[in-house]
Amino acid sequence: MTSGFLPRFACSVAWLGALATTTLAQELQPFPAPQITVEQWTRYADEVRELHEASAQVYKDKQIVVFSDPPTRTFWVFTLKDHPAHPAWITRQMFEDGGQVRVRQIGYFAGSEPEFAKLFREYQERNEQLREDVEKRNR
């Protein structure tokens, strides 16, 4: 845990919590810290699967499964057993703020912190690309 990822992540979690309503905070932040137990990962994955199984998209090449909830623009990205960060997940929620597309992102891991940090950064980069693409389309 010497990477410094957890303190930076905790600041992001606090920022997200301040932005989100109570209901959204429960969906986006089911736990107070990014490091969780395997049991917590399993329980949350089961809850998401139960509610959003029809939306499941498995990407075997990336070793992830993605669930979505279009009405809330929320996406859950869970690692599969052969992913280096497993067990982990990233939750992303798109929203509009002042005419700009934004993405709330939070994640949790019960496996390797460095591998999780890579996965988390990968999705932060995707968020930035999404924002740029939307801005270009709206010009």
N, C-alpha and C. Protein backbone atom coordinates (compact mmCIF):
# COMPACT_ATOMS: atom_id res chain seq x y z
N MET A 1 0.81 -1.19 0.00
CA MET A 1 0.00 0.00 0.00
C MET A 1 0.86 1.26 0.00
N THR A 2 2.02 1.18 -0.53
CA THR A 2 2.90 2.33 -0.51
C THR A 2 2.80 3.15 -1.78
N SER A 3 1.91 2.78 -2.68
CA SER A 3 1.83 3.47 -3.96
C SER A 3 1.22 4.86 -3.86
N GLY A 4 0.53 5.14 -2.77
CA GLY A 4 -0.12 6.43 -2.65
C GLY A 4 -1.45 6.51 -3.36
N PHE A 5 -1.88 5.40 -3.94
CA PHE A 5 -3.15 5.41 -4.67
C PHE A 5 -4.32 5.60 -3.72
N LEU A 6 -4.29 4.92 -2.58
CA LEU A 6 -5.43 4.98 -1.65
C LEU A 6 -5.71 6.40 -1.17
N PRO A 7 -4.70 7.20 -0.75
CA PRO A 7 -5.03 8.57 -0.33
C PRO A 7 -5.64 9.40 -1.45
N ARG A 8 -5.13 9.29 -2.66
CA ARG A 8 -5.70 10.05 -3.79
C ARG A 8 -7.10 9.55 -4.09
N PHE A 9 -7.30 8.23 -4.02
CA PHE A 9 -8.62 7.67 -4.27
C PHE A 9 -9.60 8.13 -3.21
N ALA A 10 -9.18 8.16 -1.96
CA ALA A 10 -10.07 8.59 -0.88
C ALA A 10 -10.54 10.02 -1.10
N CYS A 11 -9.66 10.88 -1.61
CA CYS A 11 -10.08 12.26 -1.92
C CYS A 11 -11.12 12.26 -3.02
N SER A 12 -10.95 11.41 -4.02
CA SER A 12 -11.93 11.31 -5.10
C SER A 12 -13.26 10.80 -4.57
N VAL A 13 -13.20 9.85 -3.66
CA VAL A 13 -14.42 9.30 -3.07
C VAL A 13 -15.15 10.39 -2.29
N ALA A 14 -14.41 11.18 -1.53
CA ALA A 14 -15.04 12.26 -0.76
C ALA A 14 -15.68 13.26 -1.69
N TRP A 15 -15.03 13.61 -2.78
CA TRP A 15 -15.59 14.54 -3.75
C TRP A 15 -16.86 13.98 -4.37
N LEU A 16 -16.82 12.71 -4.72
CA LEU A 16 -18.01 12.08 -5.29
C LEU A 16 -19.16 12.06 -4.30
N GLY A 17 -18.85 11.77 -3.06
CA GLY A 17 -19.89 11.73 -2.05
C GLY A 17 -20.55 13.09 -1.87
N ALA A 18 -19.78 14.15 -1.96
CA ALA A 18 -20.34 15.49 -1.82
C ALA A 18 -21.23 15.84 -2.99
N LEU A 19 -20.91 15.33 -4.16
CA LEU A 19 -21.70 15.63 -5.35
C LEU A 19 -22.98 14.82 -5.44
N ALA A 20 -22.93 13.61 -4.96
CA ALA A 20 -24.04 12.68 -5.19
C ALA A 20 -25.15 12.86 -4.15
N THR A 21 -26.36 12.52 -4.56
CA THR A 21 -27.46 12.48 -3.61
C THR A 21 -27.30 11.25 -2.75
N THR A 22 -28.09 11.12 -1.71
CA THR A 22 -27.98 9.97 -0.83
C THR A 22 -28.17 8.67 -1.60
N THR A 23 -29.16 8.62 -2.48
CA THR A 23 -29.41 7.40 -3.25
C THR A 23 -28.23 7.07 -4.16
N LEU A 24 -27.72 8.09 -4.86
CA LEU A 24 -26.60 7.84 -5.75
C LEU A 24 -25.36 7.44 -4.97
N ALA A 25 -25.13 8.05 -3.82
CA ALA A 25 -23.96 7.72 -3.03
C ALA A 25 -23.99 6.24 -2.63
N GLN A 26 -25.16 5.70 -2.37
CA GLN A 26 -25.24 4.29 -2.03
C GLN A 26 -24.88 3.43 -3.23
N GLU A 27 -25.30 3.81 -4.40
CA GLU A 27 -24.96 3.04 -5.60
C GLU A 27 -23.50 3.18 -5.96
N LEU A 28 -23.01 4.40 -5.93
CA LEU A 28 -21.64 4.64 -6.36
C LEU A 28 -20.61 4.37 -5.27
N GLN A 29 -20.99 4.45 -4.03
CA GLN A 29 -20.05 4.29 -2.94
C GLN A 29 -20.62 3.35 -1.87
N PRO A 30 -20.69 2.07 -2.19
CA PRO A 30 -21.26 1.14 -1.21
C PRO A 30 -20.35 0.87 -0.02
N PHE A 31 -19.08 1.23 -0.13
CA PHE A 31 -18.12 1.01 0.95
C PHE A 31 -17.30 2.29 1.16
N PRO A 32 -16.81 2.52 2.38
CA PRO A 32 -16.12 3.78 2.67
C PRO A 32 -14.69 3.87 2.12
N ALA A 33 -14.09 2.74 1.78
CA ALA A 33 -12.71 2.73 1.27
C ALA A 33 -12.63 1.80 0.08
N PRO A 34 -11.66 2.05 -0.82
CA PRO A 34 -11.56 1.22 -2.03
C PRO A 34 -11.11 -0.21 -1.79
N GLN A 35 -10.36 -0.45 -0.72
CA GLN A 35 -9.93 -1.82 -0.44
C GLN A 35 -11.03 -2.52 0.35
N ILE A 36 -11.51 -3.63 -0.20
CA ILE A 36 -12.61 -4.38 0.39
C ILE A 36 -12.22 -5.84 0.51
N THR A 37 -13.12 -6.64 1.06
CA THR A 37 -12.88 -8.08 1.16
C THR A 37 -13.46 -8.79 -0.07
N VAL A 38 -13.04 -10.00 -0.27
CA VAL A 38 -13.59 -10.82 -1.36
C VAL A 38 -15.09 -11.02 -1.13
N GLU A 39 -15.49 -11.19 0.11
CA GLU A 39 -16.91 -11.37 0.42
C GLU A 39 -17.72 -10.13 0.03
N GLN A 40 -17.19 -8.94 0.31
CA GLN A 40 -17.89 -7.70 -0.08
C GLN A 40 -17.99 -7.60 -1.60
N TRP A 41 -16.91 -7.94 -2.29
CA TRP A 41 -16.93 -7.91 -3.75
C TRP A 41 -18.00 -8.86 -4.28
N THR A 42 -18.02 -10.06 -3.73
CA THR A 42 -18.98 -11.08 -4.18
C THR A 42 -20.42 -10.63 -3.94
N ARG A 43 -20.68 -10.10 -2.77
CA ARG A 43 -22.03 -9.66 -2.42
C ARG A 43 -22.49 -8.53 -3.36
N TYR A 44 -21.64 -7.55 -3.60
CA TYR A 44 -22.03 -6.44 -4.47
C TYR A 44 -22.19 -6.91 -5.92
N ALA A 45 -21.28 -7.77 -6.37
CA ALA A 45 -21.38 -8.29 -7.74
C ALA A 45 -22.70 -9.05 -7.92
N ASP A 46 -23.08 -9.82 -6.91
CA ASP A 46 -24.35 -10.55 -6.98
C ASP A 46 -25.54 -9.59 -7.04
N GLU A 47 -25.49 -8.50 -6.26
CA GLU A 47 -26.57 -7.52 -6.27
C GLU A 47 -26.71 -6.87 -7.65
N VAL A 48 -25.59 -6.45 -8.22
CA VAL A 48 -25.62 -5.82 -9.54
C VAL A 48 -26.11 -6.81 -10.59
N ARG A 49 -25.60 -8.02 -10.54
CA ARG A 49 -26.00 -9.06 -11.50
C ARG A 49 -27.50 -9.32 -11.41
N GLU A 50 -28.02 -9.40 -10.19
CA GLU A 50 -29.44 -9.67 -10.00
C GLU A 50 -30.31 -8.58 -10.62
N LEU A 51 -29.89 -7.33 -10.47
CA LEU A 51 -30.68 -6.21 -10.97
C LEU A 51 -30.47 -5.93 -12.46
N HIS A 52 -29.28 -6.26 -12.99
CA HIS A 52 -28.94 -5.83 -14.35
C HIS A 52 -28.42 -6.96 -15.24
N GLU A 53 -28.77 -8.19 -14.92
CA GLU A 53 -28.25 -9.32 -15.68
C GLU A 53 -28.54 -9.24 -17.18
N ALA A 54 -29.71 -8.72 -17.54
CA ALA A 54 -30.08 -8.63 -18.96
C ALA A 54 -29.12 -7.74 -19.75
N SER A 55 -28.43 -6.85 -19.07
CA SER A 55 -27.52 -5.92 -19.77
C SER A 55 -26.09 -6.44 -19.84
N ALA A 56 -25.81 -7.58 -19.25
CA ALA A 56 -24.43 -8.08 -19.14
C ALA A 56 -23.77 -8.24 -20.50
N GLN A 57 -22.55 -7.71 -20.57
CA GLN A 57 -21.71 -7.88 -21.76
C GLN A 57 -20.36 -8.40 -21.28
N VAL A 58 -20.01 -9.59 -21.72
CA VAL A 58 -18.76 -10.20 -21.31
C VAL A 58 -17.71 -9.92 -22.38
N TYR A 59 -16.55 -9.42 -21.95
CA TYR A 59 -15.42 -9.16 -22.84
C TYR A 59 -14.29 -10.08 -22.39
N LYS A 60 -14.28 -11.29 -22.96
CA LYS A 60 -13.30 -12.29 -22.53
C LYS A 60 -11.87 -11.84 -22.81
N ASP A 61 -11.67 -11.09 -23.90
CA ASP A 61 -10.32 -10.63 -24.22
C ASP A 61 -9.79 -9.65 -23.17
N LYS A 62 -10.68 -8.92 -22.51
CA LYS A 62 -10.28 -7.97 -21.47
C LYS A 62 -10.49 -8.53 -20.07
N GLN A 63 -11.11 -9.70 -20.00
CA GLN A 63 -11.40 -10.36 -18.72
C GLN A 63 -12.27 -9.48 -17.81
N ILE A 64 -13.35 -8.92 -18.43
CA ILE A 64 -14.30 -8.11 -17.67
C ILE A 64 -15.73 -8.44 -18.10
N VAL A 65 -16.67 -8.10 -17.24
CA VAL A 65 -18.08 -8.14 -17.59
C VAL A 65 -18.64 -6.78 -17.21
N VAL A 66 -19.46 -6.21 -18.11
CA VAL A 66 -20.02 -4.88 -17.90
C VAL A 66 -21.54 -4.99 -17.80
N PHE A 67 -22.09 -4.38 -16.78
CA PHE A 67 -23.53 -4.26 -16.59
C PHE A 67 -23.89 -2.79 -16.75
N SER A 68 -25.08 -2.52 -17.24
CA SER A 68 -25.47 -1.12 -17.41
C SER A 68 -26.90 -0.88 -16.97
N ASP A 69 -27.16 0.38 -16.63
CA ASP A 69 -28.49 0.85 -16.28
C ASP A 69 -28.72 2.14 -17.05
N PRO A 70 -29.25 2.04 -18.29
CA PRO A 70 -29.39 3.23 -19.13
C PRO A 70 -30.16 4.40 -18.50
N PRO A 71 -31.25 4.16 -17.75
CA PRO A 71 -31.96 5.31 -17.18
C PRO A 71 -31.09 6.18 -16.27
N THR A 72 -30.15 5.56 -15.56
CA THR A 72 -29.27 6.33 -14.67
C THR A 72 -27.89 6.56 -15.28
N ARG A 73 -27.69 6.04 -16.49
CA ARG A 73 -26.39 6.15 -17.19
C ARG A 73 -25.25 5.61 -16.34
N THR A 74 -25.50 4.49 -15.69
CA THR A 74 -24.52 3.88 -14.80
C THR A 74 -24.02 2.57 -15.41
N PHE A 75 -22.71 2.35 -15.28
CA PHE A 75 -22.06 1.16 -15.81
C PHE A 75 -21.17 0.57 -14.73
N TRP A 76 -21.26 -0.74 -14.55
CA TRP A 76 -20.43 -1.45 -13.59
C TRP A 76 -19.50 -2.36 -14.38
N VAL A 77 -18.21 -2.25 -14.17
CA VAL A 77 -17.20 -3.05 -14.85
C VAL A 77 -16.56 -3.96 -13.81
N PHE A 78 -16.87 -5.25 -13.87
CA PHE A 78 -16.33 -6.22 -12.92
C PHE A 78 -15.25 -7.04 -13.61
N THR A 79 -14.18 -7.29 -12.88
CA THR A 79 -13.13 -8.15 -13.41
C THR A 79 -13.57 -9.61 -13.34
N LEU A 80 -13.08 -10.39 -14.30
CA LEU A 80 -13.27 -11.83 -14.29
C LEU A 80 -12.05 -12.48 -13.63
N LYS A 81 -12.13 -13.76 -13.36
CA LYS A 81 -11.11 -14.43 -12.54
C LYS A 81 -9.69 -14.35 -13.09
N ASP A 82 -9.51 -14.23 -14.40
CA ASP A 82 -8.16 -14.17 -14.96
C ASP A 82 -7.63 -12.75 -15.14
N HIS A 83 -8.38 -11.75 -14.74
CA HIS A 83 -7.91 -10.35 -14.82
C HIS A 83 -6.88 -10.12 -13.71
N PRO A 84 -5.79 -9.41 -14.00
CA PRO A 84 -4.76 -9.19 -12.97
C PRO A 84 -5.27 -8.44 -11.72
N ALA A 85 -6.30 -7.64 -11.85
CA ALA A 85 -6.83 -6.88 -10.70
C ALA A 85 -7.92 -7.63 -9.94
N HIS A 86 -8.31 -8.79 -10.40
CA HIS A 86 -9.44 -9.52 -9.80
C HIS A 86 -9.16 -9.91 -8.36
N PRO A 87 -10.16 -9.76 -7.52
CA PRO A 87 -11.49 -9.22 -7.74
C PRO A 87 -11.52 -7.70 -7.56
N ALA A 88 -12.12 -7.02 -8.53
CA ALA A 88 -12.22 -5.56 -8.50
C ALA A 88 -13.38 -5.13 -9.38
N TRP A 89 -13.83 -3.90 -9.19
CA TRP A 89 -14.81 -3.33 -10.09
C TRP A 89 -14.69 -1.82 -10.12
N ILE A 90 -15.14 -1.26 -11.25
CA ILE A 90 -15.22 0.18 -11.47
C ILE A 90 -16.68 0.49 -11.76
N THR A 91 -17.21 1.52 -11.12
CA THR A 91 -18.55 2.02 -11.44
C THR A 91 -18.39 3.39 -12.06
N ARG A 92 -19.07 3.59 -13.19
CA ARG A 92 -19.02 4.88 -13.90
C ARG A 92 -20.45 5.35 -14.10
N GLN A 93 -20.66 6.64 -13.88
CA GLN A 93 -21.98 7.22 -14.13
C GLN A 93 -21.80 8.53 -14.88
N MET A 94 -22.43 8.59 -16.06
CA MET A 94 -22.38 9.79 -16.87
C MET A 94 -23.46 10.77 -16.39
N PHE A 95 -23.13 12.06 -16.38
CA PHE A 95 -24.11 13.08 -16.03
C PHE A 95 -23.73 14.39 -16.71
N GLU A 96 -24.66 15.31 -16.72
CA GLU A 96 -24.42 16.62 -17.32
C GLU A 96 -24.28 17.65 -16.21
N ASP A 97 -23.31 18.51 -16.37
CA ASP A 97 -23.06 19.57 -15.39
C ASP A 97 -22.73 20.84 -16.15
N GLY A 98 -23.66 21.79 -16.13
CA GLY A 98 -23.41 23.05 -16.82
C GLY A 98 -23.22 22.89 -18.31
N GLY A 99 -23.95 21.95 -18.89
CA GLY A 99 -23.83 21.72 -20.33
C GLY A 99 -22.65 20.85 -20.72
N GLN A 100 -21.89 20.37 -19.76
CA GLN A 100 -20.72 19.53 -20.02
C GLN A 100 -21.01 18.10 -19.56
N VAL A 101 -20.52 17.14 -20.32
CA VAL A 101 -20.62 15.73 -19.93
C VAL A 101 -19.52 15.43 -18.93
N ARG A 102 -19.92 14.83 -17.84
CA ARG A 102 -18.98 14.44 -16.78
C ARG A 102 -19.18 12.96 -16.47
N VAL A 103 -18.20 12.38 -15.81
CA VAL A 103 -18.29 10.98 -15.40
C VAL A 103 -17.88 10.88 -13.94
N ARG A 104 -18.79 10.36 -13.14
CA ARG A 104 -18.44 10.00 -11.76
C ARG A 104 -17.86 8.59 -11.84
N GLN A 105 -16.76 8.39 -11.20
CA GLN A 105 -16.13 7.07 -11.23
C GLN A 105 -15.67 6.71 -9.82
N ILE A 106 -15.92 5.47 -9.47
CA ILE A 106 -15.46 4.95 -8.19
C ILE A 106 -15.12 3.48 -8.41
N GLY A 107 -14.26 2.94 -7.59
CA GLY A 107 -13.90 1.55 -7.76
C GLY A 107 -13.46 0.91 -6.46
N TYR A 108 -13.46 -0.40 -6.48
CA TYR A 108 -13.12 -1.18 -5.30
C TYR A 108 -12.29 -2.39 -5.71
N PHE A 109 -11.42 -2.84 -4.79
CA PHE A 109 -10.59 -3.99 -5.10
C PHE A 109 -10.39 -4.84 -3.86
N ALA A 110 -10.27 -6.14 -4.09
CA ALA A 110 -9.94 -7.09 -3.03
C ALA A 110 -8.69 -7.87 -3.42
N GLY A 111 -8.10 -7.47 -4.54
CA GLY A 111 -6.90 -8.13 -5.03
C GLY A 111 -5.71 -7.19 -4.98
N SER A 112 -4.98 -7.15 -6.07
CA SER A 112 -3.75 -6.36 -6.17
C SER A 112 -4.06 -4.87 -6.31
N GLU A 113 -3.53 -4.06 -5.37
CA GLU A 113 -3.73 -2.62 -5.47
C GLU A 113 -3.06 -2.02 -6.71
N PRO A 114 -1.81 -2.39 -7.04
CA PRO A 114 -1.20 -1.82 -8.25
C PRO A 114 -1.98 -2.16 -9.53
N GLU A 115 -2.48 -3.39 -9.63
CA GLU A 115 -3.26 -3.77 -10.81
C GLU A 115 -4.59 -3.03 -10.84
N PHE A 116 -5.20 -2.85 -9.69
CA PHE A 116 -6.44 -2.08 -9.61
C PHE A 116 -6.18 -0.63 -10.00
N ALA A 117 -5.10 -0.06 -9.52
CA ALA A 117 -4.76 1.33 -9.86
C ALA A 117 -4.61 1.49 -11.37
N LYS A 118 -4.01 0.51 -12.04
CA LYS A 118 -3.90 0.56 -13.51
C LYS A 118 -5.28 0.53 -14.16
N LEU A 119 -6.14 -0.36 -13.68
CA LEU A 119 -7.49 -0.46 -14.22
C LEU A 119 -8.25 0.85 -14.00
N PHE A 120 -8.14 1.41 -12.81
CA PHE A 120 -8.83 2.66 -12.48
C PHE A 120 -8.37 3.79 -13.40
N ARG A 121 -7.03 3.90 -13.59
CA ARG A 121 -6.49 4.94 -14.48
C ARG A 121 -6.95 4.73 -15.92
N GLU A 122 -7.01 3.48 -16.36
CA GLU A 122 -7.47 3.19 -17.72
C GLU A 122 -8.87 3.76 -17.95
N TYR A 123 -9.74 3.58 -16.98
CA TYR A 123 -11.10 4.10 -17.13
C TYR A 123 -11.16 5.61 -16.95
N GLN A 124 -10.27 6.19 -16.17
CA GLN A 124 -10.19 7.66 -16.11
C GLN A 124 -9.81 8.21 -17.48
N GLU A 125 -8.89 7.54 -18.16
CA GLU A 125 -8.50 7.96 -19.50
C GLU A 125 -9.66 7.83 -20.47
N ARG A 126 -10.43 6.76 -20.36
CA ARG A 126 -11.61 6.58 -21.20
C ARG A 126 -12.63 7.68 -20.94
N ASN A 127 -12.78 8.07 -19.68
CA ASN A 127 -13.70 9.15 -19.33
C ASN A 127 -13.29 10.44 -20.01
N GLU A 128 -12.01 10.74 -19.99
CA GLU A 128 -11.52 11.97 -20.62
C GLU A 128 -11.75 11.91 -22.13
N GLN A 129 -11.51 10.77 -22.74
CA GLN A 129 -11.74 10.62 -24.18
C GLN A 129 -13.21 10.79 -24.51
N LEU A 130 -14.09 10.24 -23.70
CA LEU A 130 -15.53 10.40 -23.88
C LEU A 130 -15.91 11.87 -23.83
N ARG A 131 -15.40 12.57 -22.82
CA ARG A 131 -15.69 13.99 -22.67
C ARG A 131 -15.24 14.78 -23.90
N GLU A 132 -14.04 14.49 -24.37
CA GLU A 132 -13.52 15.17 -25.56
C GLU A 132 -14.35 14.86 -26.79
N ASP A 133 -14.75 13.60 -26.97
CA ASP A 133 -15.56 13.21 -28.12
C ASP A 133 -16.91 13.92 -28.11
N VAL A 134 -17.53 14.00 -26.94
CA VAL A 134 -18.83 14.67 -26.84
C VAL A 134 -18.68 16.16 -27.14
N GLU A 135 -17.63 16.76 -26.62
CA GLU A 135 -17.39 18.19 -26.90
C GLU A 135 -17.22 18.44 -28.39
N LYS A 136 -16.49 17.57 -29.08
CA LYS A 136 -16.28 17.72 -30.53
C LYS A 136 -17.61 17.61 -31.27
N ARG A 137 -18.44 16.66 -30.88
CA ARG A 137 -19.74 16.48 -31.54
C ARG A 137 -20.67 17.66 -31.32
N ASN A 138 -20.53 18.31 -30.18
CA ASN A 138 -21.43 19.41 -29.84
C ASN A 138 -20.96 20.76 -30.36
N ARG A 139 -19.86 20.82 -31.03
CA ARG A 139 -19.37 22.10 -31.58
C ARG A 139 -20.11 22.48 -32.82
